[in-house]
């Protein structure tokens, strides 16, 4: 698992970590059952506080993308598959609507990006 942080970004580090892990799960780069690095290990790799990673993991667990199994560690949860499918369905519906409206793809993507950043 590779996570890159943008230090100059206005986005807090925990949000960058959360977004990147979420993206990797939704893109299928991290399969259901994949064990994630420990909070301390990932924090050391990224050079940030363990609390930052813990917050990202906690929020991803609340969203159903991760599961913590006590001392066994943190894993990609099974609901990630459901989440991925729901995201694809929403994207397909959006694409269909955008085509019906006659918007160009670059404008449609800009609208989605703005909505995600809001």
N, C-alpha and C. Protein backbone atom coordinates (compact mmCIF):
# COMPACT_ATOMS: atom_id res chain seq x y z
N UNK A 1 0.86 -1.18 0.00
CA UNK A 1 0.00 0.00 0.00
C UNK A 1 0.90 1.24 0.00
N UNK A 2 0.69 2.09 -0.98
CA UNK A 2 1.48 3.30 -1.10
C UNK A 2 0.58 4.50 -0.88
N UNK A 3 0.98 5.35 0.05
CA UNK A 3 0.23 6.58 0.32
C UNK A 3 1.22 7.73 0.25
N UNK A 4 0.83 8.72 -0.52
CA UNK A 4 1.66 9.93 -0.63
C UNK A 4 0.87 11.10 -0.06
N UNK A 5 1.51 11.84 0.81
CA UNK A 5 0.88 13.03 1.38
C UNK A 5 1.41 14.27 0.68
N UNK A 6 0.54 15.25 0.55
CA UNK A 6 0.94 16.53 -0.02
C UNK A 6 1.03 17.53 1.12
N UNK A 7 2.25 17.80 1.61
CA UNK A 7 2.42 18.68 2.78
C UNK A 7 1.85 20.09 2.58
N UNK A 8 1.92 20.62 1.38
CA UNK A 8 1.43 21.97 1.13
C UNK A 8 -0.06 22.06 0.90
N UNK A 9 -0.72 20.91 0.89
CA UNK A 9 -2.15 20.87 0.63
C UNK A 9 -2.93 21.46 1.80
N UNK A 10 -4.06 22.05 1.49
CA UNK A 10 -4.94 22.56 2.54
C UNK A 10 -5.74 21.45 3.20
N UNK A 11 -5.64 20.23 2.66
CA UNK A 11 -6.36 19.08 3.20
C UNK A 11 -5.55 18.49 4.35
N UNK A 12 -6.19 18.28 5.51
CA UNK A 12 -5.47 17.72 6.65
C UNK A 12 -4.91 16.33 6.33
N UNK A 13 -3.76 15.97 6.93
CA UNK A 13 -3.14 14.67 6.65
C UNK A 13 -4.06 13.48 6.88
N UNK A 14 -4.88 13.49 7.96
CA UNK A 14 -5.76 12.34 8.21
C UNK A 14 -6.75 12.18 7.05
N UNK A 15 -7.20 13.30 6.48
CA UNK A 15 -8.15 13.25 5.37
C UNK A 15 -7.46 12.74 4.10
N UNK A 16 -6.21 13.12 3.90
CA UNK A 16 -5.46 12.62 2.75
C UNK A 16 -5.27 11.11 2.86
N UNK A 17 -4.92 10.63 4.05
CA UNK A 17 -4.74 9.19 4.27
C UNK A 17 -6.07 8.47 4.05
N UNK A 18 -7.11 8.99 4.64
CA UNK A 18 -8.45 8.39 4.51
C UNK A 18 -8.88 8.33 3.05
N UNK A 19 -8.70 9.41 2.33
CA UNK A 19 -9.11 9.46 0.92
C UNK A 19 -8.32 8.48 0.07
N UNK A 20 -7.02 8.37 0.34
CA UNK A 20 -6.19 7.48 -0.46
C UNK A 20 -6.52 6.01 -0.18
N UNK A 21 -6.72 5.65 1.07
CA UNK A 21 -7.08 4.27 1.39
C UNK A 21 -8.45 3.95 0.80
N UNK A 22 -9.38 4.88 0.94
CA UNK A 22 -10.72 4.69 0.38
C UNK A 22 -10.65 4.51 -1.13
N UNK A 23 -9.86 5.33 -1.80
CA UNK A 23 -9.72 5.22 -3.25
C UNK A 23 -9.15 3.86 -3.63
N UNK A 24 -8.13 3.40 -2.90
CA UNK A 24 -7.52 2.12 -3.21
C UNK A 24 -8.50 0.96 -3.00
N UNK A 25 -9.35 1.08 -2.00
CA UNK A 25 -10.37 0.04 -1.77
C UNK A 25 -11.39 0.07 -2.89
N UNK A 26 -11.90 1.25 -3.22
CA UNK A 26 -12.93 1.37 -4.24
C UNK A 26 -12.43 1.01 -5.63
N UNK A 27 -11.13 1.25 -5.88
CA UNK A 27 -10.55 0.89 -7.18
C UNK A 27 -10.15 -0.58 -7.25
N UNK A 28 -10.27 -1.29 -6.13
CA UNK A 28 -9.91 -2.70 -6.11
C UNK A 28 -8.44 -2.97 -5.91
N UNK A 29 -7.65 -1.92 -5.65
CA UNK A 29 -6.22 -2.11 -5.38
C UNK A 29 -6.01 -2.81 -4.04
N UNK A 30 -6.91 -2.56 -3.10
CA UNK A 30 -6.88 -3.24 -1.80
C UNK A 30 -8.11 -4.14 -1.74
N UNK A 31 -7.88 -5.43 -1.81
CA UNK A 31 -8.98 -6.40 -1.83
C UNK A 31 -9.54 -6.62 -0.44
N UNK A 32 -10.77 -7.11 -0.39
CA UNK A 32 -11.40 -7.47 0.87
C UNK A 32 -10.48 -8.46 1.59
N UNK A 33 -10.26 -8.22 2.87
CA UNK A 33 -9.42 -9.10 3.68
C UNK A 33 -7.97 -8.70 3.74
N UNK A 34 -7.57 -7.71 2.94
CA UNK A 34 -6.18 -7.25 2.97
C UNK A 34 -5.87 -6.63 4.32
N UNK A 35 -4.75 -7.04 4.91
CA UNK A 35 -4.34 -6.49 6.20
C UNK A 35 -3.58 -5.18 5.95
N UNK A 36 -3.98 -4.15 6.67
CA UNK A 36 -3.31 -2.85 6.56
C UNK A 36 -2.17 -2.77 7.57
N UNK A 37 -1.22 -1.88 7.32
CA UNK A 37 -0.13 -1.70 8.29
C UNK A 37 -0.70 -1.22 9.62
N UNK A 38 0.02 -1.49 10.69
CA UNK A 38 -0.40 -0.99 12.00
C UNK A 38 -0.38 0.53 11.97
N UNK A 39 -1.09 1.11 12.89
CA UNK A 39 -1.14 2.57 13.00
C UNK A 39 0.27 3.12 13.15
N UNK A 40 1.04 2.54 14.07
CA UNK A 40 2.40 3.03 14.31
C UNK A 40 3.31 2.87 13.09
N UNK A 41 3.20 1.73 12.42
CA UNK A 41 4.06 1.50 11.26
C UNK A 41 3.75 2.48 10.13
N UNK A 42 2.47 2.67 9.82
CA UNK A 42 2.10 3.59 8.75
C UNK A 42 2.47 5.03 9.12
N UNK A 43 2.26 5.38 10.38
CA UNK A 43 2.63 6.73 10.83
C UNK A 43 4.13 6.96 10.66
N UNK A 44 4.94 5.96 11.03
CA UNK A 44 6.39 6.08 10.89
C UNK A 44 6.79 6.20 9.41
N UNK A 45 6.15 5.40 8.55
CA UNK A 45 6.45 5.45 7.11
C UNK A 45 6.14 6.82 6.52
N UNK A 46 5.04 7.43 6.98
CA UNK A 46 4.61 8.72 6.43
C UNK A 46 5.19 9.91 7.18
N UNK A 47 5.80 9.64 8.33
CA UNK A 47 6.38 10.73 9.12
C UNK A 47 5.34 11.62 9.76
N UNK A 48 4.23 11.03 10.19
CA UNK A 48 3.18 11.80 10.86
C UNK A 48 2.81 11.11 12.18
N UNK A 49 2.00 11.78 12.96
CA UNK A 49 1.62 11.27 14.28
C UNK A 49 0.71 10.05 14.16
N UNK A 50 0.88 9.06 15.04
CA UNK A 50 0.02 7.89 15.03
C UNK A 50 -1.47 8.24 15.19
N UNK A 51 -1.78 9.29 15.93
CA UNK A 51 -3.16 9.70 16.10
C UNK A 51 -3.82 10.08 14.78
N UNK A 52 -3.03 10.58 13.84
CA UNK A 52 -3.53 10.95 12.53
C UNK A 52 -4.00 9.71 11.77
N UNK A 53 -3.18 8.66 11.81
CA UNK A 53 -3.53 7.40 11.15
C UNK A 53 -4.70 6.75 11.86
N UNK A 54 -4.68 6.78 13.19
CA UNK A 54 -5.78 6.19 13.97
C UNK A 54 -7.11 6.84 13.61
N UNK A 55 -7.11 8.15 13.45
CA UNK A 55 -8.34 8.86 13.09
C UNK A 55 -8.83 8.43 11.71
N UNK A 56 -7.91 8.34 10.75
CA UNK A 56 -8.28 7.92 9.39
C UNK A 56 -8.85 6.50 9.42
N UNK A 57 -8.17 5.58 10.12
CA UNK A 57 -8.65 4.20 10.22
C UNK A 57 -10.02 4.16 10.88
N UNK A 58 -10.20 4.91 11.96
CA UNK A 58 -11.47 4.93 12.69
C UNK A 58 -12.61 5.40 11.79
N UNK A 59 -12.38 6.47 11.04
CA UNK A 59 -13.43 7.00 10.16
C UNK A 59 -13.73 6.04 9.00
N UNK A 60 -12.71 5.35 8.51
CA UNK A 60 -12.94 4.36 7.46
C UNK A 60 -13.67 3.14 8.02
N UNK A 61 -13.42 2.81 9.27
CA UNK A 61 -14.15 1.72 9.91
C UNK A 61 -15.62 2.11 10.10
N UNK A 62 -15.86 3.34 10.51
CA UNK A 62 -17.24 3.82 10.68
C UNK A 62 -17.99 3.82 9.34
N UNK A 63 -17.26 4.03 8.25
CA UNK A 63 -17.86 4.02 6.91
C UNK A 63 -18.05 2.60 6.38
N UNK A 64 -17.53 1.61 7.12
CA UNK A 64 -17.68 0.22 6.72
C UNK A 64 -16.62 -0.29 5.76
N UNK A 65 -15.59 0.51 5.50
CA UNK A 65 -14.55 0.09 4.58
C UNK A 65 -13.47 -0.75 5.25
N UNK A 66 -13.26 -0.54 6.54
CA UNK A 66 -12.25 -1.28 7.30
C UNK A 66 -12.90 -1.99 8.47
N UNK A 67 -12.25 -3.05 8.95
CA UNK A 67 -12.66 -3.70 10.19
C UNK A 67 -11.43 -3.94 11.03
N UNK A 68 -11.56 -3.67 12.31
CA UNK A 68 -10.47 -3.92 13.24
C UNK A 68 -10.79 -5.21 13.97
N UNK A 69 -9.82 -6.12 13.99
CA UNK A 69 -10.01 -7.42 14.62
C UNK A 69 -9.08 -7.56 15.82
N UNK A 70 -9.23 -6.63 16.75
CA UNK A 70 -8.42 -6.67 17.97
C UNK A 70 -6.94 -6.68 17.67
N UNK A 71 -6.23 -7.59 18.32
CA UNK A 71 -4.78 -7.68 18.14
C UNK A 71 -4.37 -8.21 16.77
N UNK A 72 -5.32 -8.79 16.04
CA UNK A 72 -5.01 -9.31 14.70
C UNK A 72 -4.73 -8.19 13.70
N UNK A 73 -5.29 -7.00 13.95
CA UNK A 73 -5.01 -5.87 13.09
C UNK A 73 -6.24 -5.29 12.40
N UNK A 74 -5.97 -4.46 11.42
CA UNK A 74 -7.01 -3.78 10.66
C UNK A 74 -7.01 -4.32 9.23
N UNK A 75 -8.20 -4.63 8.73
CA UNK A 75 -8.35 -5.27 7.43
C UNK A 75 -9.39 -4.52 6.59
N UNK A 76 -9.27 -4.69 5.27
CA UNK A 76 -10.30 -4.16 4.37
C UNK A 76 -11.55 -4.98 4.62
N UNK A 77 -12.65 -4.30 4.91
CA UNK A 77 -13.90 -4.96 5.25
C UNK A 77 -14.67 -5.44 4.04
N UNK A 78 -15.54 -6.40 4.27
CA UNK A 78 -16.36 -6.98 3.21
C UNK A 78 -17.34 -5.97 2.63
N UNK A 79 -17.75 -4.99 3.42
CA UNK A 79 -18.70 -4.02 2.90
C UNK A 79 -18.06 -3.10 1.87
N UNK A 80 -16.72 -3.17 1.73
CA UNK A 80 -16.05 -2.40 0.68
C UNK A 80 -16.55 -2.79 -0.69
N UNK A 81 -16.88 -4.09 -0.87
CA UNK A 81 -17.43 -4.54 -2.15
C UNK A 81 -18.77 -3.87 -2.42
N UNK A 82 -19.63 -3.83 -1.40
CA UNK A 82 -20.93 -3.20 -1.53
C UNK A 82 -20.77 -1.71 -1.81
N UNK A 83 -19.86 -1.09 -1.10
CA UNK A 83 -19.61 0.34 -1.30
C UNK A 83 -19.12 0.61 -2.71
N UNK A 84 -18.21 -0.23 -3.18
CA UNK A 84 -17.67 -0.06 -4.53
C UNK A 84 -18.79 -0.17 -5.57
N UNK A 85 -19.66 -1.15 -5.40
CA UNK A 85 -20.75 -1.33 -6.35
C UNK A 85 -21.71 -0.15 -6.30
N UNK A 86 -22.01 0.34 -5.12
CA UNK A 86 -22.90 1.50 -5.00
C UNK A 86 -22.28 2.72 -5.67
N UNK A 87 -20.96 2.89 -5.52
CA UNK A 87 -20.28 4.02 -6.15
C UNK A 87 -20.34 3.90 -7.68
N UNK A 88 -20.13 2.69 -8.19
CA UNK A 88 -20.22 2.48 -9.65
C UNK A 88 -21.63 2.77 -10.16
N UNK A 89 -22.63 2.30 -9.41
CA UNK A 89 -24.01 2.55 -9.82
C UNK A 89 -24.32 4.04 -9.86
N UNK A 90 -23.84 4.76 -8.83
CA UNK A 90 -24.06 6.21 -8.79
C UNK A 90 -23.34 6.90 -9.94
N UNK A 91 -22.12 6.44 -10.22
CA UNK A 91 -21.35 7.04 -11.32
C UNK A 91 -22.03 6.79 -12.66
N UNK A 92 -22.56 5.59 -12.85
CA UNK A 92 -23.26 5.27 -14.10
C UNK A 92 -24.51 6.14 -14.27
N UNK A 93 -25.25 6.30 -13.19
CA UNK A 93 -26.45 7.14 -13.25
C UNK A 93 -26.08 8.59 -13.56
N UNK A 94 -25.01 9.08 -12.94
CA UNK A 94 -24.55 10.44 -13.19
C UNK A 94 -24.11 10.59 -14.65
N UNK A 95 -23.33 9.63 -15.14
CA UNK A 95 -22.85 9.70 -16.52
C UNK A 95 -24.02 9.73 -17.51
N UNK A 96 -25.03 8.92 -17.24
CA UNK A 96 -26.20 8.89 -18.11
C UNK A 96 -26.91 10.25 -18.11
N UNK A 97 -27.02 10.84 -16.94
CA UNK A 97 -27.69 12.14 -16.83
C UNK A 97 -26.87 13.24 -17.51
N UNK A 98 -25.56 13.19 -17.36
CA UNK A 98 -24.67 14.17 -17.98
C UNK A 98 -24.77 14.09 -19.50
N UNK A 99 -24.78 12.86 -20.03
CA UNK A 99 -24.91 12.70 -21.48
C UNK A 99 -26.24 13.27 -21.97
N UNK A 100 -27.31 13.02 -21.21
CA UNK A 100 -28.64 13.52 -21.59
C UNK A 100 -28.66 15.05 -21.58
N UNK A 101 -27.89 15.66 -20.69
CA UNK A 101 -27.83 17.12 -20.61
C UNK A 101 -26.89 17.71 -21.66
N UNK A 102 -26.07 16.87 -22.27
CA UNK A 102 -25.15 17.34 -23.29
C UNK A 102 -23.90 18.01 -22.76
N UNK A 103 -23.55 17.75 -21.50
CA UNK A 103 -22.34 18.35 -20.94
C UNK A 103 -21.11 17.58 -21.41
N UNK A 104 -20.02 18.28 -21.68
CA UNK A 104 -18.78 17.58 -22.06
C UNK A 104 -18.18 16.87 -20.83
N UNK A 105 -17.47 15.76 -21.08
CA UNK A 105 -16.90 14.99 -19.97
C UNK A 105 -16.02 15.79 -19.01
N UNK A 106 -15.19 16.70 -19.55
CA UNK A 106 -14.31 17.45 -18.65
C UNK A 106 -15.10 18.35 -17.70
N UNK A 107 -16.20 18.89 -18.16
CA UNK A 107 -17.04 19.72 -17.30
C UNK A 107 -17.76 18.85 -16.26
N UNK A 108 -18.22 17.68 -16.68
CA UNK A 108 -18.88 16.76 -15.74
C UNK A 108 -17.93 16.32 -14.64
N UNK A 109 -16.68 16.04 -15.01
CA UNK A 109 -15.68 15.65 -14.01
C UNK A 109 -15.35 16.80 -13.06
N UNK A 110 -15.30 18.02 -13.59
CA UNK A 110 -15.05 19.19 -12.75
C UNK A 110 -16.17 19.37 -11.73
N UNK A 111 -17.40 19.11 -12.14
CA UNK A 111 -18.55 19.22 -11.24
C UNK A 111 -18.41 18.18 -10.12
N UNK A 112 -18.06 16.95 -10.48
CA UNK A 112 -17.89 15.90 -9.46
C UNK A 112 -16.76 16.27 -8.51
N UNK A 113 -15.65 16.71 -9.04
CA UNK A 113 -14.51 17.08 -8.20
C UNK A 113 -14.90 18.18 -7.22
N UNK A 114 -15.60 19.18 -7.69
CA UNK A 114 -16.03 20.29 -6.82
C UNK A 114 -16.97 19.76 -5.74
N UNK A 115 -17.86 18.85 -6.09
CA UNK A 115 -18.80 18.29 -5.11
C UNK A 115 -18.06 17.47 -4.05
N UNK A 116 -17.05 16.71 -4.47
CA UNK A 116 -16.30 15.90 -3.52
C UNK A 116 -15.45 16.74 -2.57
N UNK A 117 -14.99 17.88 -3.07
CA UNK A 117 -14.15 18.76 -2.25
C UNK A 117 -14.96 19.68 -1.35
N UNK A 118 -16.26 19.76 -1.61
CA UNK A 118 -17.11 20.67 -0.81
C UNK A 118 -17.36 20.10 0.58
